């Protein structure tokens, strides 16, 4: 299990000033998910693959 951060995304909630488009965020999240191994279990990751501190 991991926790994912989609970033600040241009949506109704994120607003027009958000730097990340929906497609970019979703694509990044999918790349992160596809690359996970048991080693990353319990990790917190940004949509660009950066491991974030808890």
C-alpha atoms as a PDB file:
ATOM      1  CA  UNK A   1       0.000   0.000   0.000  1.00  0.00           C
ATOM      2  CA  UNK A   2       1.199   3.517  -0.813  1.00  0.00           C
ATOM      3  CA  UNK A   3      -0.168   7.044  -0.582  1.00  0.00           C
ATOM      4  CA  UNK A   4      -0.222   9.154  -3.751  1.00  0.00           C
ATOM      5  CA  UNK A   5      -0.245  12.932  -4.135  1.00  0.00           C
ATOM      6  CA  UNK A   6      -1.825  14.005  -7.445  1.00  0.00           C
ATOM      7  CA  UNK A   7      -0.355  17.505  -7.114  1.00  0.00           C
ATOM      8  CA  UNK A   8      -2.140  20.814  -7.514  1.00  0.00           C
ATOM      9  CA  UNK A   9      -4.377  19.992 -10.474  1.00  0.00           C
ATOM     10  CA  UNK A  10      -6.469  22.274 -12.721  1.00  0.00           C
ATOM     11  CA  UNK A  11      -9.953  21.153 -11.732  1.00  0.00           C
ATOM     12  CA  UNK A  12     -13.003  22.866 -10.258  1.00  0.00           C
ATOM     13  CA  UNK A  13     -11.407  22.356  -6.874  1.00  0.00           C
ATOM     14  CA  UNK A  14      -7.800  23.159  -7.839  1.00  0.00           C
ATOM     15  CA  UNK A  15      -8.678  26.215  -9.903  1.00  0.00           C
ATOM     16  CA  UNK A  16      -7.371  27.620 -13.148  1.00  0.00           C
ATOM     17  CA  UNK A  17      -4.038  28.678 -11.606  1.00  0.00           C
ATOM     18  CA  UNK A  18      -3.001  25.104 -10.790  1.00  0.00           C
ATOM     19  CA  UNK A  19       0.157  24.209 -12.708  1.00  0.00           C
ATOM     20  CA  UNK A  20      -0.755  20.591 -13.491  1.00  0.00           C
ATOM     21  CA  UNK A  21      -3.329  19.365 -15.977  1.00  0.00           C
ATOM     22  CA  UNK A  22      -5.577  16.423 -15.202  1.00  0.00           C
ATOM     23  CA  UNK A  23      -4.028  14.238 -17.903  1.00  0.00           C
ATOM     24  CA  UNK A  24      -0.487  14.964 -16.695  1.00  0.00           C
ATOM     25  CA  UNK A  25      -1.415  14.090 -13.110  1.00  0.00           C
ATOM     26  CA  UNK A  26      -3.249  10.891 -14.021  1.00  0.00           C
ATOM     27  CA  UNK A  27      -0.475   9.763 -16.377  1.00  0.00           C
ATOM     28  CA  UNK A  28       2.109  10.363 -13.679  1.00  0.00           C
ATOM     29  CA  UNK A  29       0.094   8.501 -11.056  1.00  0.00           C
ATOM     30  CA  UNK A  30      -0.247   5.553 -13.406  1.00  0.00           C
ATOM     31  CA  UNK A  31       3.519   5.512 -14.048  1.00  0.00           C
ATOM     32  CA  UNK A  32       4.168   5.530 -10.301  1.00  0.00           C
ATOM     33  CA  UNK A  33       1.698   2.701  -9.736  1.00  0.00           C
ATOM     34  CA  UNK A  34       3.132   0.651 -12.593  1.00  0.00           C
ATOM     35  CA  UNK A  35       6.644   0.944 -11.169  1.00  0.00           C
ATOM     36  CA  UNK A  36       5.888   0.013  -7.569  1.00  0.00           C
ATOM     37  CA  UNK A  37       7.491  -2.966  -5.885  1.00  0.00           C
ATOM     38  CA  UNK A  38       7.217  -4.293  -2.347  1.00  0.00           C
ATOM     39  CA  UNK A  39      10.205  -2.080  -1.505  1.00  0.00           C
ATOM     40  CA  UNK A  40       7.994   1.014  -1.846  1.00  0.00           C
ATOM     41  CA  UNK A  41       5.277  -0.374   0.441  1.00  0.00           C
ATOM     42  CA  UNK A  42       4.207   2.267   2.942  1.00  0.00           C
ATOM     43  CA  UNK A  43       5.687   5.091   0.869  1.00  0.00           C
ATOM     44  CA  UNK A  44       4.226   8.483  -0.022  1.00  0.00           C
ATOM     45  CA  UNK A  45       4.757   9.526  -3.656  1.00  0.00           C
ATOM     46  CA  UNK A  46       4.109  12.610  -5.761  1.00  0.00           C
ATOM     47  CA  UNK A  47       2.633  12.082  -9.234  1.00  0.00           C
ATOM     48  CA  UNK A  48       6.062  12.774 -10.744  1.00  0.00           C
ATOM     49  CA  UNK A  49       7.546   9.811  -8.849  1.00  0.00           C
ATOM     50  CA  UNK A  50       9.287  11.801  -6.113  1.00  0.00           C
ATOM     51  CA  UNK A  51       9.193   9.989  -2.776  1.00  0.00           C
ATOM     52  CA  UNK A  52       7.790  12.399  -0.210  1.00  0.00           C
ATOM     53  CA  UNK A  53       8.585  12.420   3.504  1.00  0.00           C
ATOM     54  CA  UNK A  54       5.897  11.443   5.986  1.00  0.00           C
END
